[in-house]
């Protein structure tokens, strides 16, 4: 059962947060709840990205981050295969499933939504 309080991500739950040009390791940030749902992670590298590129094959409901869509992808769980050529023209979508993920800023301690983290960093810490 996931904690409702603030907890630091354990190594087994570690994930990289990607927001455009910035990346953070979850071990450096407090997240609310101990588990990060599968549907908000990239199906390739398992990062949490603000933009997700949905898969149209057997892996429907999952997506890839901008870095993973550059290469051919074979899903070990569903057996689907997608070429980089097929993903080249894929349109990225905002990762709305990540909308509820909240992160405690390391610098000022404010509790921010994942999708607002880039704006917060720019406004408060740039």
N, C-alpha and C. Protein backbone atom coordinates (compact mmCIF):
# COMPACT_ATOMS: atom_id res chain seq x y z
N UNK A 1 0.84 -1.17 0.00
CA UNK A 1 0.00 0.00 0.00
C UNK A 1 0.89 1.24 0.00
N UNK A 2 0.63 2.17 -0.88
CA UNK A 2 1.46 3.36 -1.02
C UNK A 2 1.19 4.34 0.11
N UNK A 3 2.25 4.98 0.52
CA UNK A 3 2.13 6.00 1.55
C UNK A 3 1.53 7.27 0.97
N UNK A 4 0.74 7.96 1.74
CA UNK A 4 0.16 9.21 1.27
C UNK A 4 1.05 10.38 1.65
N UNK A 5 2.04 10.13 2.49
CA UNK A 5 2.95 11.18 2.93
C UNK A 5 4.14 11.30 2.00
N UNK A 6 5.01 12.20 2.35
CA UNK A 6 6.18 12.47 1.53
C UNK A 6 7.22 11.40 1.80
N UNK A 7 7.74 10.79 0.77
CA UNK A 7 8.76 9.75 0.91
C UNK A 7 9.81 9.94 -0.16
N UNK A 8 11.00 9.49 0.15
CA UNK A 8 12.05 9.55 -0.84
C UNK A 8 11.99 8.26 -1.67
N UNK A 9 12.20 8.37 -2.96
CA UNK A 9 12.12 7.20 -3.83
C UNK A 9 13.25 6.24 -3.49
N UNK A 10 12.92 4.98 -3.34
CA UNK A 10 13.93 3.97 -3.10
C UNK A 10 14.62 3.63 -4.41
N UNK A 11 15.81 3.05 -4.32
CA UNK A 11 16.57 2.72 -5.52
C UNK A 11 15.75 1.84 -6.48
N UNK A 12 14.99 0.89 -5.96
CA UNK A 12 14.20 0.01 -6.83
C UNK A 12 13.10 0.78 -7.56
N UNK A 13 12.67 1.90 -7.00
CA UNK A 13 11.65 2.72 -7.64
C UNK A 13 12.25 3.91 -8.37
N UNK A 14 13.60 3.97 -8.44
CA UNK A 14 14.22 5.17 -8.99
C UNK A 14 13.83 5.36 -10.45
N UNK A 15 13.73 6.60 -10.82
CA UNK A 15 13.31 6.95 -12.17
C UNK A 15 13.95 8.28 -12.51
N UNK A 16 14.13 8.55 -13.78
CA UNK A 16 14.64 9.84 -14.21
C UNK A 16 13.46 10.68 -14.65
N UNK A 17 13.37 11.88 -14.12
CA UNK A 17 12.35 12.83 -14.55
C UNK A 17 12.93 13.66 -15.67
N UNK A 18 12.25 13.73 -16.81
CA UNK A 18 12.72 14.51 -17.95
C UNK A 18 11.71 15.58 -18.29
N UNK A 19 12.15 16.83 -18.25
CA UNK A 19 11.31 17.95 -18.66
C UNK A 19 12.12 18.75 -19.66
N UNK A 20 11.83 18.57 -20.93
CA UNK A 20 12.57 19.18 -22.03
C UNK A 20 14.07 18.96 -21.86
N UNK A 21 14.85 20.00 -21.61
CA UNK A 21 16.31 19.86 -21.54
C UNK A 21 16.83 19.51 -20.15
N UNK A 22 15.96 19.40 -19.16
CA UNK A 22 16.41 19.16 -17.79
C UNK A 22 16.08 17.74 -17.36
N UNK A 23 16.95 17.16 -16.54
CA UNK A 23 16.72 15.82 -16.00
C UNK A 23 17.03 15.81 -14.51
N UNK A 24 16.23 15.06 -13.73
CA UNK A 24 16.46 14.89 -12.30
C UNK A 24 16.31 13.42 -11.97
N UNK A 25 17.12 12.95 -11.03
CA UNK A 25 16.95 11.59 -10.52
C UNK A 25 15.96 11.61 -9.38
N UNK A 26 15.10 10.62 -9.32
CA UNK A 26 14.09 10.59 -8.27
C UNK A 26 14.71 10.43 -6.89
N UNK A 27 15.92 9.87 -6.81
CA UNK A 27 16.56 9.69 -5.52
C UNK A 27 16.90 11.04 -4.88
N UNK A 28 16.96 12.09 -5.70
CA UNK A 28 17.27 13.42 -5.19
C UNK A 28 16.02 14.19 -4.78
N UNK A 29 14.85 13.69 -5.12
CA UNK A 29 13.62 14.42 -4.88
C UNK A 29 12.67 13.63 -4.01
N UNK A 30 11.93 14.33 -3.19
CA UNK A 30 10.86 13.70 -2.45
C UNK A 30 9.64 13.64 -3.35
N UNK A 31 9.02 12.47 -3.44
CA UNK A 31 7.79 12.35 -4.20
C UNK A 31 6.69 11.96 -3.23
N UNK A 32 5.47 12.21 -3.59
CA UNK A 32 4.35 11.90 -2.71
C UNK A 32 3.80 10.54 -3.09
N UNK A 33 3.99 9.57 -2.22
CA UNK A 33 3.64 8.18 -2.51
C UNK A 33 4.91 7.46 -2.93
N UNK A 34 4.97 6.16 -2.70
CA UNK A 34 6.20 5.43 -2.97
C UNK A 34 6.27 4.84 -4.36
N UNK A 35 5.16 4.73 -5.05
CA UNK A 35 5.20 4.09 -6.36
C UNK A 35 4.82 5.06 -7.46
N UNK A 36 5.45 4.90 -8.60
CA UNK A 36 5.15 5.71 -9.76
C UNK A 36 4.42 4.79 -10.74
N UNK A 37 3.18 5.10 -11.09
CA UNK A 37 2.38 4.21 -11.94
C UNK A 37 3.04 3.92 -13.29
N UNK A 38 2.86 2.71 -13.79
CA UNK A 38 3.43 2.29 -15.07
C UNK A 38 3.00 3.19 -16.22
N UNK A 39 1.75 3.63 -16.22
CA UNK A 39 1.24 4.36 -17.38
C UNK A 39 1.88 5.72 -17.57
N UNK A 40 2.57 6.25 -16.56
CA UNK A 40 3.22 7.55 -16.76
C UNK A 40 4.67 7.41 -17.17
N UNK A 41 5.20 6.18 -17.16
CA UNK A 41 6.60 5.95 -17.51
C UNK A 41 6.75 5.67 -19.00
N UNK A 42 7.93 5.99 -19.53
CA UNK A 42 8.29 5.59 -20.89
C UNK A 42 8.37 4.07 -20.91
N UNK A 43 7.83 3.44 -21.95
CA UNK A 43 7.81 1.98 -22.04
C UNK A 43 9.20 1.43 -22.39
N UNK A 44 10.11 2.31 -22.83
CA UNK A 44 11.46 1.89 -23.17
C UNK A 44 12.43 2.00 -22.00
N UNK A 45 12.75 3.24 -21.60
CA UNK A 45 13.75 3.45 -20.55
C UNK A 45 13.14 3.63 -19.16
N UNK A 46 11.82 3.70 -19.08
CA UNK A 46 11.07 3.80 -17.83
C UNK A 46 11.24 5.14 -17.12
N UNK A 47 11.64 6.17 -17.85
CA UNK A 47 11.71 7.51 -17.27
C UNK A 47 10.31 8.11 -17.20
N UNK A 48 10.17 9.23 -16.54
CA UNK A 48 8.92 9.98 -16.53
C UNK A 48 9.19 11.27 -17.30
N UNK A 49 8.56 11.41 -18.44
CA UNK A 49 8.80 12.54 -19.33
C UNK A 49 7.54 13.39 -19.42
N UNK A 50 7.72 14.69 -19.67
CA UNK A 50 6.53 15.54 -19.79
C UNK A 50 5.85 15.36 -21.14
N UNK A 51 6.56 14.82 -22.13
CA UNK A 51 5.98 14.53 -23.44
C UNK A 51 6.12 13.05 -23.71
N UNK A 52 5.03 12.43 -24.15
CA UNK A 52 5.03 10.98 -24.42
C UNK A 52 4.57 10.76 -25.85
N UNK A 53 5.18 9.81 -26.53
CA UNK A 53 4.83 9.47 -27.91
C UNK A 53 4.13 8.12 -27.88
N UNK A 54 2.80 8.10 -28.08
CA UNK A 54 2.03 6.86 -27.92
C UNK A 54 2.38 5.80 -28.95
N UNK A 55 2.34 4.54 -28.52
CA UNK A 55 2.60 3.40 -29.40
C UNK A 55 1.29 2.93 -30.00
N UNK A 56 1.33 2.57 -31.27
CA UNK A 56 0.12 2.18 -31.99
C UNK A 56 0.02 0.68 -32.21
N UNK A 57 0.94 -0.09 -31.64
CA UNK A 57 0.93 -1.54 -31.88
C UNK A 57 0.29 -2.27 -30.70
N UNK A 58 0.80 -3.45 -30.39
CA UNK A 58 0.26 -4.24 -29.29
C UNK A 58 0.40 -3.55 -27.93
N UNK A 59 1.23 -2.53 -27.87
CA UNK A 59 1.49 -1.83 -26.61
C UNK A 59 0.61 -0.59 -26.45
N UNK A 60 -0.57 -0.59 -27.04
CA UNK A 60 -1.43 0.58 -26.91
C UNK A 60 -1.66 0.91 -25.45
N UNK A 61 -1.69 2.19 -25.17
CA UNK A 61 -1.81 2.65 -23.79
C UNK A 61 -0.47 3.00 -23.19
N UNK A 62 0.61 2.57 -23.85
CA UNK A 62 1.95 2.91 -23.41
C UNK A 62 2.56 3.88 -24.42
N UNK A 63 3.66 4.49 -24.05
CA UNK A 63 4.32 5.42 -24.95
C UNK A 63 5.81 5.46 -24.70
N UNK A 64 6.51 6.20 -25.55
CA UNK A 64 7.96 6.36 -25.44
C UNK A 64 8.31 7.82 -25.22
N UNK A 65 9.47 8.07 -24.60
CA UNK A 65 9.95 9.43 -24.43
C UNK A 65 10.65 9.87 -25.73
N UNK A 66 11.04 11.11 -25.79
CA UNK A 66 11.66 11.67 -27.00
C UNK A 66 12.96 10.94 -27.34
N UNK A 67 13.74 10.56 -26.33
CA UNK A 67 15.01 9.87 -26.58
C UNK A 67 14.79 8.46 -27.11
N UNK A 68 13.83 7.73 -26.58
CA UNK A 68 13.59 6.34 -26.99
C UNK A 68 12.94 6.23 -28.36
N UNK A 69 12.20 7.23 -28.79
CA UNK A 69 11.51 7.13 -30.07
C UNK A 69 12.47 7.23 -31.25
N UNK A 70 13.73 7.57 -31.00
CA UNK A 70 14.73 7.69 -32.07
C UNK A 70 15.25 6.33 -32.52
N UNK A 71 14.96 5.28 -31.76
CA UNK A 71 15.49 3.95 -32.05
C UNK A 71 14.36 2.94 -32.21
N UNK A 72 14.65 1.82 -32.89
CA UNK A 72 13.68 0.73 -32.98
C UNK A 72 13.34 0.26 -31.57
N UNK A 73 12.10 -0.14 -31.38
CA UNK A 73 11.66 -0.56 -30.05
C UNK A 73 10.94 -1.89 -30.14
N UNK A 74 11.37 -2.84 -29.32
CA UNK A 74 10.70 -4.13 -29.19
C UNK A 74 10.27 -4.29 -27.74
N UNK A 75 8.99 -4.49 -27.55
CA UNK A 75 8.45 -4.62 -26.19
C UNK A 75 8.63 -6.05 -25.70
N UNK A 76 9.29 -6.21 -24.57
CA UNK A 76 9.48 -7.54 -23.99
C UNK A 76 8.19 -8.08 -23.38
N UNK A 77 7.33 -7.19 -22.91
CA UNK A 77 6.10 -7.62 -22.25
C UNK A 77 5.01 -8.03 -23.24
N UNK A 78 4.85 -7.26 -24.32
CA UNK A 78 3.76 -7.50 -25.26
C UNK A 78 4.21 -8.10 -26.59
N UNK A 79 5.51 -8.12 -26.84
CA UNK A 79 6.02 -8.71 -28.08
C UNK A 79 5.89 -7.82 -29.30
N UNK A 80 5.45 -6.60 -29.14
CA UNK A 80 5.30 -5.69 -30.27
C UNK A 80 6.63 -5.10 -30.71
N UNK A 81 6.74 -4.78 -31.99
CA UNK A 81 7.96 -4.17 -32.53
C UNK A 81 7.57 -2.93 -33.33
N UNK A 82 8.28 -1.84 -33.09
CA UNK A 82 8.05 -0.59 -33.81
C UNK A 82 9.39 -0.08 -34.28
N UNK A 83 9.47 0.31 -35.54
CA UNK A 83 10.73 0.84 -36.07
C UNK A 83 10.83 2.34 -35.79
N UNK A 84 12.07 2.82 -35.79
CA UNK A 84 12.31 4.26 -35.59
C UNK A 84 11.67 5.05 -36.73
N UNK A 85 11.64 4.46 -37.92
CA UNK A 85 11.02 5.11 -39.08
C UNK A 85 9.53 5.36 -38.83
N UNK A 86 8.86 4.38 -38.25
CA UNK A 86 7.42 4.53 -37.96
C UNK A 86 7.17 5.56 -36.87
N UNK A 87 8.12 5.70 -35.95
CA UNK A 87 7.96 6.64 -34.85
C UNK A 87 8.42 8.06 -35.20
N UNK A 88 9.12 8.19 -36.31
CA UNK A 88 9.70 9.49 -36.68
C UNK A 88 8.66 10.60 -36.74
N UNK A 89 7.51 10.32 -37.31
CA UNK A 89 6.47 11.34 -37.47
C UNK A 89 5.42 11.30 -36.36
N UNK A 90 5.68 10.54 -35.32
CA UNK A 90 4.72 10.47 -34.21
C UNK A 90 4.61 11.84 -33.54
N UNK A 91 3.41 12.19 -33.18
CA UNK A 91 3.15 13.47 -32.52
C UNK A 91 3.17 13.26 -31.02
N UNK A 92 3.99 14.04 -30.34
CA UNK A 92 4.07 13.94 -28.89
C UNK A 92 2.84 14.51 -28.22
N UNK A 93 2.47 13.90 -27.11
CA UNK A 93 1.33 14.36 -26.33
C UNK A 93 1.80 14.68 -24.92
N UNK A 94 1.15 15.63 -24.29
CA UNK A 94 1.45 15.92 -22.89
C UNK A 94 1.13 14.69 -22.06
N UNK A 95 2.02 14.35 -21.17
CA UNK A 95 1.84 13.18 -20.33
C UNK A 95 0.88 13.52 -19.18
N UNK A 96 -0.42 13.56 -19.51
CA UNK A 96 -1.43 13.95 -18.52
C UNK A 96 -1.53 12.97 -17.36
N UNK A 97 -1.11 11.73 -17.59
CA UNK A 97 -1.14 10.75 -16.49
C UNK A 97 -0.15 11.15 -15.40
N UNK A 98 0.88 11.92 -15.77
CA UNK A 98 1.87 12.39 -14.79
C UNK A 98 1.41 13.63 -14.05
N UNK A 99 0.24 14.13 -14.43
CA UNK A 99 -0.26 15.38 -13.87
C UNK A 99 -0.39 15.33 -12.35
N UNK A 100 -0.75 14.18 -11.80
CA UNK A 100 -0.96 14.06 -10.36
C UNK A 100 0.32 13.82 -9.58
N UNK A 101 1.42 13.52 -10.28
CA UNK A 101 2.69 13.28 -9.61
C UNK A 101 3.20 14.60 -9.02
N UNK A 102 3.48 14.61 -7.73
CA UNK A 102 3.93 15.83 -7.06
C UNK A 102 5.35 15.63 -6.55
N UNK A 103 6.16 16.67 -6.70
CA UNK A 103 7.57 16.60 -6.31
C UNK A 103 7.88 17.78 -5.39
N UNK A 104 8.66 17.52 -4.36
CA UNK A 104 9.10 18.57 -3.45
C UNK A 104 10.40 19.14 -3.98
N UNK A 105 10.43 20.43 -4.31
CA UNK A 105 11.61 21.07 -4.88
C UNK A 105 12.77 21.03 -3.88
N UNK A 106 13.94 20.62 -4.37
CA UNK A 106 15.12 20.54 -3.52
C UNK A 106 15.58 21.91 -3.04
N UNK A 107 15.38 22.93 -3.85
CA UNK A 107 15.94 24.24 -3.56
C UNK A 107 15.11 25.05 -2.57
N UNK A 108 13.80 25.05 -2.73
CA UNK A 108 12.97 25.91 -1.88
C UNK A 108 11.95 25.12 -1.05
N UNK A 109 11.81 23.83 -1.30
CA UNK A 109 10.90 23.01 -0.51
C UNK A 109 9.44 23.11 -0.90
N UNK A 110 9.13 23.79 -2.01
CA UNK A 110 7.73 23.90 -2.40
C UNK A 110 7.26 22.61 -3.06
N UNK A 111 6.00 22.28 -2.86
CA UNK A 111 5.39 21.06 -3.39
C UNK A 111 4.80 21.39 -4.75
N UNK A 112 5.43 20.88 -5.83
CA UNK A 112 5.04 21.24 -7.19
C UNK A 112 4.53 20.03 -7.96
N UNK A 113 3.59 20.27 -8.85
CA UNK A 113 3.14 19.23 -9.78
C UNK A 113 4.25 18.99 -10.80
N UNK A 114 4.41 17.76 -11.23
CA UNK A 114 5.48 17.41 -12.16
C UNK A 114 5.44 18.25 -13.42
N UNK A 115 4.25 18.44 -14.00
CA UNK A 115 4.15 19.19 -15.24
C UNK A 115 4.44 20.68 -15.06
N UNK A 116 4.41 21.18 -13.84
CA UNK A 116 4.73 22.59 -13.58
C UNK A 116 6.15 22.79 -13.09
N UNK A 117 6.92 21.71 -12.99
CA UNK A 117 8.26 21.80 -12.43
C UNK A 117 9.18 22.69 -13.26
N UNK A 118 9.09 22.58 -14.58
CA UNK A 118 9.93 23.40 -15.45
C UNK A 118 9.65 24.89 -15.22
N UNK A 119 8.39 25.26 -15.17
CA UNK A 119 8.02 26.66 -14.94
C UNK A 119 8.49 27.13 -13.56
N UNK A 120 8.33 26.28 -12.57
CA UNK A 120 8.76 26.62 -11.22
C UNK A 120 10.27 26.87 -11.19
N UNK A 121 11.04 25.97 -11.80
CA UNK A 121 12.50 26.11 -11.81
C UNK A 121 12.91 27.40 -12.52
N UNK A 122 12.25 27.71 -13.61
CA UNK A 122 12.59 28.91 -14.37
C UNK A 122 12.25 30.18 -13.59
N UNK A 123 11.06 30.21 -12.99
CA UNK A 123 10.61 31.42 -12.29
C UNK A 123 11.34 31.64 -10.97
N UNK A 124 11.57 30.57 -10.23
CA UNK A 124 12.11 30.72 -8.87
C UNK A 124 13.62 30.55 -8.75
N UNK A 125 14.22 29.77 -9.63
CA UNK A 125 15.62 29.40 -9.42
C UNK A 125 16.54 29.70 -10.60
N UNK A 126 16.09 30.49 -11.54
CA UNK A 126 16.92 30.79 -12.71
C UNK A 126 17.64 32.09 -12.51
